[in-house]
């Protein structure tokens, strides 16, 4: 398998092929891509389909609260609006395509059938390297790697046939990857909240706003606010303030940094504001707290 040819082919397709059509279905392509070493991403969702094929390596795919094992030859789909995550400790070779159906340019019956099959069918399909779709996909990338500017019409037809056929394995009964029984997962909601909190803790020294964290997690600010409120009634701002105070408390106990440095490292705008908030929360100013607790 020529990885360089696949990379060159995906770059050419991203440049030249953003729309295609076949068998009554029209597609808008967001991107064609290849990752020779894909590790882990954060839990997210998007508004389009993303079909991935594992070229090498092993990993896991989480679809909502279900985890599937991944290995070379596995095909899997991320559906619109569904929380998902790819994980791999040692990295996987992945090629993938992201697209949506163009309802205005597709036959209504075919449009509904395609969406229904991907929405209700299987999520992960093993041993896909024997399917027509994968041979067609690799062939498309290899042909595109030659940069055939005079054959765009042929490439467009090939791409349309590929995206039409990609739905077929997910509707089959055989070779379906079962959820991993040895892997228990928390609710996706709590996994998303956990990652949001980790992002906050990693960026405490900066003037964080809910819009930034929501954008990082591919959420709306309303969705993120609801997640915090469902987790013990905390608001985003109260959680952020408490984390800043916890960080400052640790620094007061374990460092000789000045109050100005501690305030800045904890994300408070000034020493005066830090002192007021800390005193209100802890019942004593930070200087006195340090004298009592510094080892």
C-alpha atoms as a PDB file:
ATOM      1  CA  UNK A   1       0.000   0.000   0.000  1.00  0.00           C
ATOM      2  CA  UNK A   2       1.582   3.269  -1.129  1.00  0.00           C
ATOM      3  CA  UNK A   3       0.988   5.790   1.680  1.00  0.00           C
ATOM      4  CA  UNK A   4       2.627   8.599  -0.281  1.00  0.00           C
ATOM      5  CA  UNK A   5       0.227   8.042  -3.181  1.00  0.00           C
ATOM      6  CA  UNK A   6      -2.759   8.109  -0.810  1.00  0.00           C
ATOM      7  CA  UNK A   7      -1.513  11.372   0.726  1.00  0.00           C
ATOM      8  CA  UNK A   8      -1.017  12.971  -2.680  1.00  0.00           C
ATOM      9  CA  UNK A   9      -4.395  11.710  -3.829  1.00  0.00           C
ATOM     10  CA  UNK A  10      -6.221  13.131  -0.813  1.00  0.00           C
ATOM     11  CA  UNK A  11      -4.579  16.540  -1.324  1.00  0.00           C
ATOM     12  CA  UNK A  12      -5.643  16.609  -4.972  1.00  0.00           C
ATOM     13  CA  UNK A  13      -9.205  15.566  -4.123  1.00  0.00           C
ATOM     14  CA  UNK A  14      -9.477  18.270  -1.449  1.00  0.00           C
ATOM     15  CA  UNK A  15      -8.411  20.801  -4.052  1.00  0.00           C
ATOM     16  CA  UNK A  16     -10.567  19.645  -6.942  1.00  0.00           C
ATOM     17  CA  UNK A  17     -13.460  17.536  -5.714  1.00  0.00           C
ATOM     18  CA  UNK A  18     -15.978  18.971  -3.252  1.00  0.00           C
ATOM     19  CA  UNK A  19     -19.157  17.737  -4.944  1.00  0.00           C
ATOM     20  CA  UNK A  20     -20.135  14.486  -6.628  1.00  0.00           C
ATOM     21  CA  UNK A  21     -23.213  12.519  -7.661  1.00  0.00           C
ATOM     22  CA  UNK A  22     -24.214   8.943  -8.497  1.00  0.00           C
ATOM     23  CA  UNK A  23     -27.369   6.794  -8.590  1.00  0.00           C
ATOM     24  CA  UNK A  24     -29.731   9.586  -7.655  1.00  0.00           C
ATOM     25  CA  UNK A  25     -27.613  10.802  -4.723  1.00  0.00           C
ATOM     26  CA  UNK A  26     -25.649  14.048  -4.548  1.00  0.00           C
ATOM     27  CA  UNK A  27     -22.901  14.702  -1.998  1.00  0.00           C
ATOM     28  CA  UNK A  28     -21.097  17.716  -0.584  1.00  0.00           C
ATOM     29  CA  UNK A  29     -17.608  16.646   0.498  1.00  0.00           C
ATOM     30  CA  UNK A  30     -16.022  18.475   3.440  1.00  0.00           C
ATOM     31  CA  UNK A  31     -12.629  16.777   3.241  1.00  0.00           C
ATOM     32  CA  UNK A  32     -10.661  13.727   2.114  1.00  0.00           C
ATOM     33  CA  UNK A  33      -7.813  12.823   4.405  1.00  0.00           C
ATOM     34  CA  UNK A  34      -5.156  10.386   5.568  1.00  0.00           C
ATOM     35  CA  UNK A  35      -3.450  10.173   8.968  1.00  0.00           C
ATOM     36  CA  UNK A  36      -0.505   7.736   8.997  1.00  0.00           C
ATOM     37  CA  UNK A  37      -0.399   8.003  12.818  1.00  0.00           C
ATOM     38  CA  UNK A  38      -3.715   8.972  14.416  1.00  0.00           C
ATOM     39  CA  UNK A  39      -3.717   8.775  18.207  1.00  0.00           C
ATOM     40  CA  UNK A  40      -6.625  10.104  20.292  1.00  0.00           C
ATOM     41  CA  UNK A  41      -8.956  13.050  19.902  1.00  0.00           C
ATOM     42  CA  UNK A  42     -11.413  14.552  22.371  1.00  0.00           C
ATOM     43  CA  UNK A  43     -15.063  13.534  22.443  1.00  0.00           C
ATOM     44  CA  UNK A  44     -16.921  15.595  19.857  1.00  0.00           C
ATOM     45  CA  UNK A  45     -19.728  15.553  17.323  1.00  0.00           C
ATOM     46  CA  UNK A  46     -20.369  17.197  13.962  1.00  0.00           C
ATOM     47  CA  UNK A  47     -23.170  17.811  11.501  1.00  0.00           C
ATOM     48  CA  UNK A  48     -21.984  15.471   8.727  1.00  0.00           C
ATOM     49  CA  UNK A  49     -20.997  11.845   8.109  1.00  0.00           C
ATOM     50  CA  UNK A  50     -17.375  10.820   8.536  1.00  0.00           C
ATOM     51  CA  UNK A  51     -16.404   7.341   7.338  1.00  0.00           C
ATOM     52  CA  UNK A  52     -12.991   6.038   8.436  1.00  0.00           C
ATOM     53  CA  UNK A  53     -10.962   3.014   7.388  1.00  0.00           C
ATOM     54  CA  UNK A  54      -8.144   1.596   9.552  1.00  0.00           C
ATOM     55  CA  UNK A  55      -5.052   0.953   7.440  1.00  0.00           C
ATOM     56  CA  UNK A  56      -2.850  -0.176  10.323  1.00  0.00           C
ATOM     57  CA  UNK A  57      -2.625  -0.356  14.093  1.00  0.00           C
ATOM     58  CA  UNK A  58      -5.236  -0.929  16.787  1.00  0.00           C
ATOM     59  CA  UNK A  59      -7.438   1.316  18.888  1.00  0.00           C
ATOM     60  CA  UNK A  60     -10.976   1.990  20.065  1.00  0.00           C
ATOM     61  CA  UNK A  61     -13.985   3.879  18.767  1.00  0.00           C
ATOM     62  CA  UNK A  62     -16.587   5.241  21.173  1.00  0.00           C
ATOM     63  CA  UNK A  63     -20.056   5.907  19.766  1.00  0.00           C
ATOM     64  CA  UNK A  64     -22.119   7.609  22.512  1.00  0.00           C
ATOM     65  CA  UNK A  65     -21.711   5.163  25.443  1.00  0.00           C
ATOM     66  CA  UNK A  66     -20.576   2.131  23.417  1.00  0.00           C
ATOM     67  CA  UNK A  67     -16.933   1.264  22.744  1.00  0.00           C
ATOM     68  CA  UNK A  68     -15.791  -0.844  19.756  1.00  0.00           C
ATOM     69  CA  UNK A  69     -12.376  -2.324  19.108  1.00  0.00           C
ATOM     70  CA  UNK A  70     -10.528  -1.179  15.986  1.00  0.00           C
ATOM     71  CA  UNK A  71      -7.874  -3.013  13.962  1.00  0.00           C
ATOM     72  CA  UNK A  72      -6.469  -2.964  10.442  1.00  0.00           C
ATOM     73  CA  UNK A  73      -9.251  -3.575   7.934  1.00  0.00           C
ATOM     74  CA  UNK A  74     -12.021  -2.037  10.073  1.00  0.00           C
ATOM     75  CA  UNK A  75     -14.471   0.460   8.589  1.00  0.00           C
ATOM     76  CA  UNK A  76     -16.490   2.712  10.895  1.00  0.00           C
ATOM     77  CA  UNK A  77     -18.838   5.671  10.572  1.00  0.00           C
ATOM     78  CA  UNK A  78     -19.437   8.760  12.705  1.00  0.00           C
ATOM     79  CA  UNK A  79     -22.999   9.939  12.232  1.00  0.00           C
ATOM     80  CA  UNK A  80     -24.302  13.521  12.427  1.00  0.00           C
ATOM     81  CA  UNK A  81     -25.122  14.719  15.927  1.00  0.00           C
ATOM     82  CA  UNK A  82     -23.610  11.659  17.661  1.00  0.00           C
ATOM     83  CA  UNK A  83     -20.901  12.062  20.309  1.00  0.00           C
ATOM     84  CA  UNK A  84     -17.853  10.003  19.397  1.00  0.00           C
ATOM     85  CA  UNK A  85     -14.129   9.599  20.006  1.00  0.00           C
ATOM     86  CA  UNK A  86     -11.194   7.725  18.442  1.00  0.00           C
ATOM     87  CA  UNK A  87      -8.522   6.429  20.804  1.00  0.00           C
ATOM     88  CA  UNK A  88      -5.195   4.722  20.142  1.00  0.00           C
ATOM     89  CA  UNK A  89      -2.145   4.453  22.400  1.00  0.00           C
ATOM     90  CA  UNK A  90       0.383   3.619  19.671  1.00  0.00           C
ATOM     91  CA  UNK A  91      -1.318   5.309  16.716  1.00  0.00           C
ATOM     92  CA  UNK A  92      -3.383   4.014  13.805  1.00  0.00           C
ATOM     93  CA  UNK A  93      -3.129   4.607  10.089  1.00  0.00           C
ATOM     94  CA  UNK A  94      -6.514   6.073   9.084  1.00  0.00           C
ATOM     95  CA  UNK A  95      -7.978   7.300   5.852  1.00  0.00           C
ATOM     96  CA  UNK A  96     -11.321   9.020   6.004  1.00  0.00           C
ATOM     97  CA  UNK A  97     -13.821  11.152   4.169  1.00  0.00           C
ATOM     98  CA  UNK A  98     -16.353  13.604   5.580  1.00  0.00           C
ATOM     99  CA  UNK A  99     -19.475  14.477   3.640  1.00  0.00           C
ATOM    100  CA  UNK A 100     -23.179  15.244   3.744  1.00  0.00           C
ATOM    101  CA  UNK A 101     -26.008  14.493   1.378  1.00  0.00           C
ATOM    102  CA  UNK A 102     -27.334  17.288  -0.799  1.00  0.00           C
ATOM    103  CA  UNK A 103     -31.091  16.916  -0.352  1.00  0.00           C
ATOM    104  CA  UNK A 104     -31.961  19.404  -3.094  1.00  0.00           C
ATOM    105  CA  UNK A 105     -29.972  17.549  -5.767  1.00  0.00           C
ATOM    106  CA  UNK A 106     -30.805  13.971  -4.678  1.00  0.00           C
ATOM    107  CA  UNK A 107     -33.834  11.840  -5.423  1.00  0.00           C
ATOM    108  CA  UNK A 108     -36.043  11.963  -2.342  1.00  0.00           C
ATOM    109  CA  UNK A 109     -36.462   8.180  -2.064  1.00  0.00           C
ATOM    110  CA  UNK A 110     -32.713   7.492  -2.389  1.00  0.00           C
ATOM    111  CA  UNK A 111     -31.895  10.312   0.008  1.00  0.00           C
ATOM    112  CA  UNK A 112     -34.150   8.888   2.727  1.00  0.00           C
ATOM    113  CA  UNK A 113     -32.927   5.322   2.220  1.00  0.00           C
ATOM    114  CA  UNK A 114     -29.266   6.322   2.472  1.00  0.00           C
ATOM    115  CA  UNK A 115     -29.776   8.264   5.679  1.00  0.00           C
ATOM    116  CA  UNK A 116     -31.959   5.551   7.186  1.00  0.00           C
ATOM    117  CA  UNK A 117     -29.365   2.853   6.522  1.00  0.00           C
ATOM    118  CA  UNK A 118     -26.577   4.828   8.170  1.00  0.00           C
ATOM    119  CA  UNK A 119     -28.739   5.944  11.083  1.00  0.00           C
ATOM    120  CA  UNK A 120     -30.125   2.503  11.959  1.00  0.00           C
ATOM    121  CA  UNK A 121     -27.417   0.177  10.636  1.00  0.00           C
ATOM    122  CA  UNK A 122     -24.138  -0.947  12.138  1.00  0.00           C
ATOM    123  CA  UNK A 123     -21.511   1.549  13.265  1.00  0.00           C
ATOM    124  CA  UNK A 124     -18.386  -0.600  12.848  1.00  0.00           C
ATOM    125  CA  UNK A 125     -17.670  -3.233  10.173  1.00  0.00           C
ATOM    126  CA  UNK A 126     -14.657  -5.560  10.397  1.00  0.00           C
ATOM    127  CA  UNK A 127     -12.676  -7.116   7.525  1.00  0.00           C
ATOM    128  CA  UNK A 128     -13.799  -4.356   5.194  1.00  0.00           C
ATOM    129  CA  UNK A 129     -10.616  -4.754   3.140  1.00  0.00           C
ATOM    130  CA  UNK A 130     -12.464  -7.434   1.172  1.00  0.00           C
ATOM    131  CA  UNK A 131     -15.316  -5.092   0.199  1.00  0.00           C
ATOM    132  CA  UNK A 132     -15.745  -3.323  -3.110  1.00  0.00           C
ATOM    133  CA  UNK A 133     -15.896   0.052  -1.352  1.00  0.00           C
ATOM    134  CA  UNK A 134     -12.326  -0.124  -0.007  1.00  0.00           C
ATOM    135  CA  UNK A 135     -10.877  -1.218  -3.360  1.00  0.00           C
ATOM    136  CA  UNK A 136     -12.707   1.672  -4.983  1.00  0.00           C
ATOM    137  CA  UNK A 137     -11.527   4.105  -2.303  1.00  0.00           C
ATOM    138  CA  UNK A 138      -7.867   3.146  -2.641  1.00  0.00           C
ATOM    139  CA  UNK A 139      -8.179   3.211  -6.408  1.00  0.00           C
ATOM    140  CA  UNK A 140      -9.630   6.726  -6.273  1.00  0.00           C
ATOM    141  CA  UNK A 141      -6.753   8.013  -4.124  1.00  0.00           C
ATOM    142  CA  UNK A 142      -4.105   6.377  -6.303  1.00  0.00           C
ATOM    143  CA  UNK A 143      -5.641   7.760  -9.485  1.00  0.00           C
ATOM    144  CA  UNK A 144      -5.950  11.236  -7.957  1.00  0.00           C
ATOM    145  CA  UNK A 145      -2.278  11.119  -6.884  1.00  0.00           C
ATOM    146  CA  UNK A 146      -1.316  11.532 -10.546  1.00  0.00           C
ATOM    147  CA  UNK A 147      -3.073  14.927 -10.538  1.00  0.00           C
ATOM    148  CA  UNK A 148      -5.215  14.179 -13.606  1.00  0.00           C
ATOM    149  CA  UNK A 149      -6.608  17.673 -14.154  1.00  0.00           C
ATOM    150  CA  UNK A 150      -8.023  16.597 -17.509  1.00  0.00           C
ATOM    151  CA  UNK A 151      -9.999  13.731 -15.910  1.00  0.00           C
ATOM    152  CA  UNK A 152     -11.943  15.577 -13.204  1.00  0.00           C
ATOM    153  CA  UNK A 153     -15.229  14.354 -14.620  1.00  0.00           C
ATOM    154  CA  UNK A 154     -14.108  10.721 -14.280  1.00  0.00           C
ATOM    155  CA  UNK A 155     -12.865  11.326 -10.739  1.00  0.00           C
ATOM    156  CA  UNK A 156     -16.168  12.945  -9.814  1.00  0.00           C
ATOM    157  CA  UNK A 157     -18.042   9.903 -11.068  1.00  0.00           C
ATOM    158  CA  UNK A 158     -15.719   7.562  -9.139  1.00  0.00           C
ATOM    159  CA  UNK A 159     -16.190   9.585  -5.968  1.00  0.00           C
ATOM    160  CA  UNK A 160     -19.967   9.500  -6.345  1.00  0.00           C
ATOM    161  CA  UNK A 161     -19.938   5.704  -6.739  1.00  0.00           C
ATOM    162  CA  UNK A 162     -17.638   5.387  -3.713  1.00  0.00           C
ATOM    163  CA  UNK A 163     -19.784   7.476  -1.372  1.00  0.00           C
ATOM    164  CA  UNK A 164     -22.893   5.666  -2.544  1.00  0.00           C
ATOM    165  CA  UNK A 165     -21.321   2.277  -1.858  1.00  0.00           C
ATOM    166  CA  UNK A 166     -19.821   3.189   1.529  1.00  0.00           C
ATOM    167  CA  UNK A 167     -23.234   2.756   3.143  1.00  0.00           C
ATOM    168  CA  UNK A 168     -23.574  -0.884   2.069  1.00  0.00           C
ATOM    169  CA  UNK A 169     -21.247  -2.645   4.570  1.00  0.00           C
ATOM    170  CA  UNK A 170     -23.005  -1.018   7.534  1.00  0.00           C
ATOM    171  CA  UNK A 171     -26.288  -2.631   6.567  1.00  0.00           C
ATOM    172  CA  UNK A 172     -24.841  -6.162   6.406  1.00  0.00           C
ATOM    173  CA  UNK A 173     -25.148  -8.775   9.131  1.00  0.00           C
ATOM    174  CA  UNK A 174     -21.689 -10.368   8.989  1.00  0.00           C
ATOM    175  CA  UNK A 175     -18.352  -9.098  10.298  1.00  0.00           C
ATOM    176  CA  UNK A 176     -19.968  -6.542  12.566  1.00  0.00           C
ATOM    177  CA  UNK A 177     -17.662  -5.458  15.365  1.00  0.00           C
ATOM    178  CA  UNK A 178     -19.228  -6.151  18.752  1.00  0.00           C
ATOM    179  CA  UNK A 179     -18.893  -3.669  21.597  1.00  0.00           C
ATOM    180  CA  UNK A 180     -15.871  -4.356  23.798  1.00  0.00           C
ATOM    181  CA  UNK A 181     -17.186  -6.203  26.879  1.00  0.00           C
ATOM    182  CA  UNK A 182     -14.039  -5.549  28.909  1.00  0.00           C
ATOM    183  CA  UNK A 183     -14.379  -1.826  28.573  1.00  0.00           C
ATOM    184  CA  UNK A 184     -16.929  -0.037  30.724  1.00  0.00           C
ATOM    185  CA  UNK A 185     -17.627   3.616  29.997  1.00  0.00           C
ATOM    186  CA  UNK A 186     -19.165   6.529  31.803  1.00  0.00           C
ATOM    187  CA  UNK A 187     -22.039   8.361  30.261  1.00  0.00           C
ATOM    188  CA  UNK A 188     -20.926  10.435  27.285  1.00  0.00           C
ATOM    189  CA  UNK A 189     -22.339  13.474  29.019  1.00  0.00           C
ATOM    190  CA  UNK A 190     -19.960  13.053  31.950  1.00  0.00           C
ATOM    191  CA  UNK A 191     -17.045  12.271  29.636  1.00  0.00           C
ATOM    192  CA  UNK A 192     -17.629  15.580  27.832  1.00  0.00           C
ATOM    193  CA  UNK A 193     -17.930  17.417  31.138  1.00  0.00           C
ATOM    194  CA  UNK A 194     -14.730  15.779  32.381  1.00  0.00           C
ATOM    195  CA  UNK A 195     -12.807  16.978  29.328  1.00  0.00           C
ATOM    196  CA  UNK A 196     -14.263  20.489  29.667  1.00  0.00           C
ATOM    197  CA  UNK A 197     -13.071  20.654  33.271  1.00  0.00           C
ATOM    198  CA  UNK A 198      -9.637  19.387  32.298  1.00  0.00           C
ATOM    199  CA  UNK A 199      -9.354  22.151  29.682  1.00  0.00           C
ATOM    200  CA  UNK A 200     -10.229  24.706  32.362  1.00  0.00           C
ATOM    201  CA  UNK A 201      -7.620  23.337  34.770  1.00  0.00           C
ATOM    202  CA  UNK A 202      -4.982  23.360  32.019  1.00  0.00           C
ATOM    203  CA  UNK A 203      -5.645  27.037  31.230  1.00  0.00           C
ATOM    204  CA  UNK A 204      -6.343  28.613  34.629  1.00  0.00           C
ATOM    205  CA  UNK A 205      -3.782  31.396  34.197  1.00  0.00           C
ATOM    206  CA  UNK A 206      -5.680  32.796  31.206  1.00  0.00           C
ATOM    207  CA  UNK A 207      -8.922  34.864  31.271  1.00  0.00           C
ATOM    208  CA  UNK A 208     -11.167  31.954  30.276  1.00  0.00           C
ATOM    209  CA  UNK A 209     -14.669  32.493  28.965  1.00  0.00           C
ATOM    210  CA  UNK A 210     -17.389  29.931  28.458  1.00  0.00           C
ATOM    211  CA  UNK A 211     -17.373  30.633  24.710  1.00  0.00           C
ATOM    212  CA  UNK A 212     -13.756  29.442  24.436  1.00  0.00           C
ATOM    213  CA  UNK A 213     -14.351  26.183  26.306  1.00  0.00           C
ATOM    214  CA  UNK A 214     -17.575  25.507  24.393  1.00  0.00           C
ATOM    215  CA  UNK A 215     -15.794  26.098  21.089  1.00  0.00           C
ATOM    216  CA  UNK A 216     -12.987  23.703  22.105  1.00  0.00           C
ATOM    217  CA  UNK A 217     -15.560  21.003  22.910  1.00  0.00           C
ATOM    218  CA  UNK A 218     -17.669  21.691  19.778  1.00  0.00           C
ATOM    219  CA  UNK A 219     -20.636  22.683  21.936  1.00  0.00           C
ATOM    220  CA  UNK A 220     -22.897  25.679  22.177  1.00  0.00           C
ATOM    221  CA  UNK A 221     -22.539  27.815  25.312  1.00  0.00           C
ATOM    222  CA  UNK A 222     -26.049  26.770  26.289  1.00  0.00           C
ATOM    223  CA  UNK A 223     -25.168  23.074  26.066  1.00  0.00           C
ATOM    224  CA  UNK A 224     -22.032  23.551  28.162  1.00  0.00           C
ATOM    225  CA  UNK A 225     -23.913  25.578  30.775  1.00  0.00           C
ATOM    226  CA  UNK A 226     -26.481  22.805  31.091  1.00  0.00           C
ATOM    227  CA  UNK A 227     -23.760  20.192  31.582  1.00  0.00           C
ATOM    228  CA  UNK A 228     -22.312  22.145  34.508  1.00  0.00           C
ATOM    229  CA  UNK A 229     -25.728  22.739  36.075  1.00  0.00           C
ATOM    230  CA  UNK A 230     -26.594  19.043  35.816  1.00  0.00           C
ATOM    231  CA  UNK A 231     -23.371  18.199  37.666  1.00  0.00           C
ATOM    232  CA  UNK A 232     -24.264  19.254  41.196  1.00  0.00           C
ATOM    233  CA  UNK A 233     -25.755  22.616  40.285  1.00  0.00           C
ATOM    234  CA  UNK A 234     -22.450  24.411  39.596  1.00  0.00           C
ATOM    235  CA  UNK A 235     -22.437  27.151  37.012  1.00  0.00           C
ATOM    236  CA  UNK A 236     -19.488  27.535  34.673  1.00  0.00           C
ATOM    237  CA  UNK A 237     -18.349  30.703  36.468  1.00  0.00           C
ATOM    238  CA  UNK A 238     -18.625  29.208  39.963  1.00  0.00           C
ATOM    239  CA  UNK A 239     -16.648  26.133  38.882  1.00  0.00           C
ATOM    240  CA  UNK A 240     -13.973  28.326  37.279  1.00  0.00           C
ATOM    241  CA  UNK A 241     -13.686  30.507  40.390  1.00  0.00           C
ATOM    242  CA  UNK A 242     -13.435  27.479  42.691  1.00  0.00           C
ATOM    243  CA  UNK A 243     -10.698  25.947  40.540  1.00  0.00           C
ATOM    244  CA  UNK A 244      -8.761  29.217  40.620  1.00  0.00           C
ATOM    245  CA  UNK A 245      -9.055  29.276  44.414  1.00  0.00           C
ATOM    246  CA  UNK A 246      -7.957  25.636  44.743  1.00  0.00           C
ATOM    247  CA  UNK A 247      -4.908  26.336  42.592  1.00  0.00           C
ATOM    248  CA  UNK A 248      -4.034  29.441  44.611  1.00  0.00           C
ATOM    249  CA  UNK A 249      -4.477  27.523  47.865  1.00  0.00           C
ATOM    250  CA  UNK A 250      -2.003  24.864  46.723  1.00  0.00           C
ATOM    251  CA  UNK A 251       0.551  27.503  45.713  1.00  0.00           C
ATOM    252  CA  UNK A 252       0.180  29.283  49.060  1.00  0.00           C
ATOM    253  CA  UNK A 253       0.893  26.024  50.879  1.00  0.00           C
ATOM    254  CA  UNK A 254       3.733  24.744  48.726  1.00  0.00           C
ATOM    255  CA  UNK A 255       5.582  27.679  47.124  1.00  0.00           C
ATOM    256  CA  UNK A 256       7.361  30.889  48.049  1.00  0.00           C
ATOM    257  CA  UNK A 257       5.924  32.780  45.061  1.00  0.00           C
ATOM    258  CA  UNK A 258       4.640  36.288  45.785  1.00  0.00           C
ATOM    259  CA  UNK A 259       0.920  36.967  46.111  1.00  0.00           C
ATOM    260  CA  UNK A 260       1.101  38.838  42.813  1.00  0.00           C
ATOM    261  CA  UNK A 261       2.606  35.797  41.070  1.00  0.00           C
ATOM    262  CA  UNK A 262       0.075  33.432  42.658  1.00  0.00           C
ATOM    263  CA  UNK A 263      -2.825  35.662  41.645  1.00  0.00           C
ATOM    264  CA  UNK A 264      -1.587  35.806  38.057  1.00  0.00           C
ATOM    265  CA  UNK A 265      -0.893  32.060  37.851  1.00  0.00           C
ATOM    266  CA  UNK A 266      -4.386  31.317  39.182  1.00  0.00           C
ATOM    267  CA  UNK A 267      -6.052  33.653  36.691  1.00  0.00           C
ATOM    268  CA  UNK A 268      -7.116  36.488  38.987  1.00  0.00           C
ATOM    269  CA  UNK A 269      -7.006  39.923  37.403  1.00  0.00           C
ATOM    270  CA  UNK A 270      -5.263  41.634  40.325  1.00  0.00           C
ATOM    271  CA  UNK A 271      -3.873  40.973  43.797  1.00  0.00           C
ATOM    272  CA  UNK A 272      -6.687  43.101  45.249  1.00  0.00           C
ATOM    273  CA  UNK A 273      -9.398  41.023  43.574  1.00  0.00           C
ATOM    274  CA  UNK A 274      -7.626  37.784  44.497  1.00  0.00           C
ATOM    275  CA  UNK A 275      -7.372  38.862  48.150  1.00  0.00           C
ATOM    276  CA  UNK A 276     -11.068  39.779  48.333  1.00  0.00           C
ATOM    277  CA  UNK A 277     -12.279  36.519  46.741  1.00  0.00           C
ATOM    278  CA  UNK A 278      -9.897  34.364  48.778  1.00  0.00           C
ATOM    279  CA  UNK A 279     -10.802  36.079  52.066  1.00  0.00           C
ATOM    280  CA  UNK A 280     -14.503  35.702  51.382  1.00  0.00           C
ATOM    281  CA  UNK A 281     -14.116  32.001  50.601  1.00  0.00           C
ATOM    282  CA  UNK A 282     -11.512  30.968  53.209  1.00  0.00           C
ATOM    283  CA  UNK A 283     -12.321  33.361  56.061  1.00  0.00           C
ATOM    284  CA  UNK A 284      -8.828  34.881  56.114  1.00  0.00           C
ATOM    285  CA  UNK A 285      -6.538  36.786  53.719  1.00  0.00           C
ATOM    286  CA  UNK A 286      -4.098  34.762  51.593  1.00  0.00           C
ATOM    287  CA  UNK A 287      -1.082  36.112  53.507  1.00  0.00           C
ATOM    288  CA  UNK A 288      -2.397  34.869  56.841  1.00  0.00           C
ATOM    289  CA  UNK A 289      -3.453  31.557  55.245  1.00  0.00           C
ATOM    290  CA  UNK A 290       0.102  31.075  54.016  1.00  0.00           C
ATOM    291  CA  UNK A 291       1.612  31.795  57.444  1.00  0.00           C
ATOM    292  CA  UNK A 292      -0.609  29.133  58.983  1.00  0.00           C
ATOM    293  CA  UNK A 293      -0.094  26.430  56.377  1.00  0.00           C
ATOM    294  CA  UNK A 294       3.267  26.951  54.632  1.00  0.00           C
ATOM    295  CA  UNK A 295       5.669  24.129  55.458  1.00  0.00           C
END
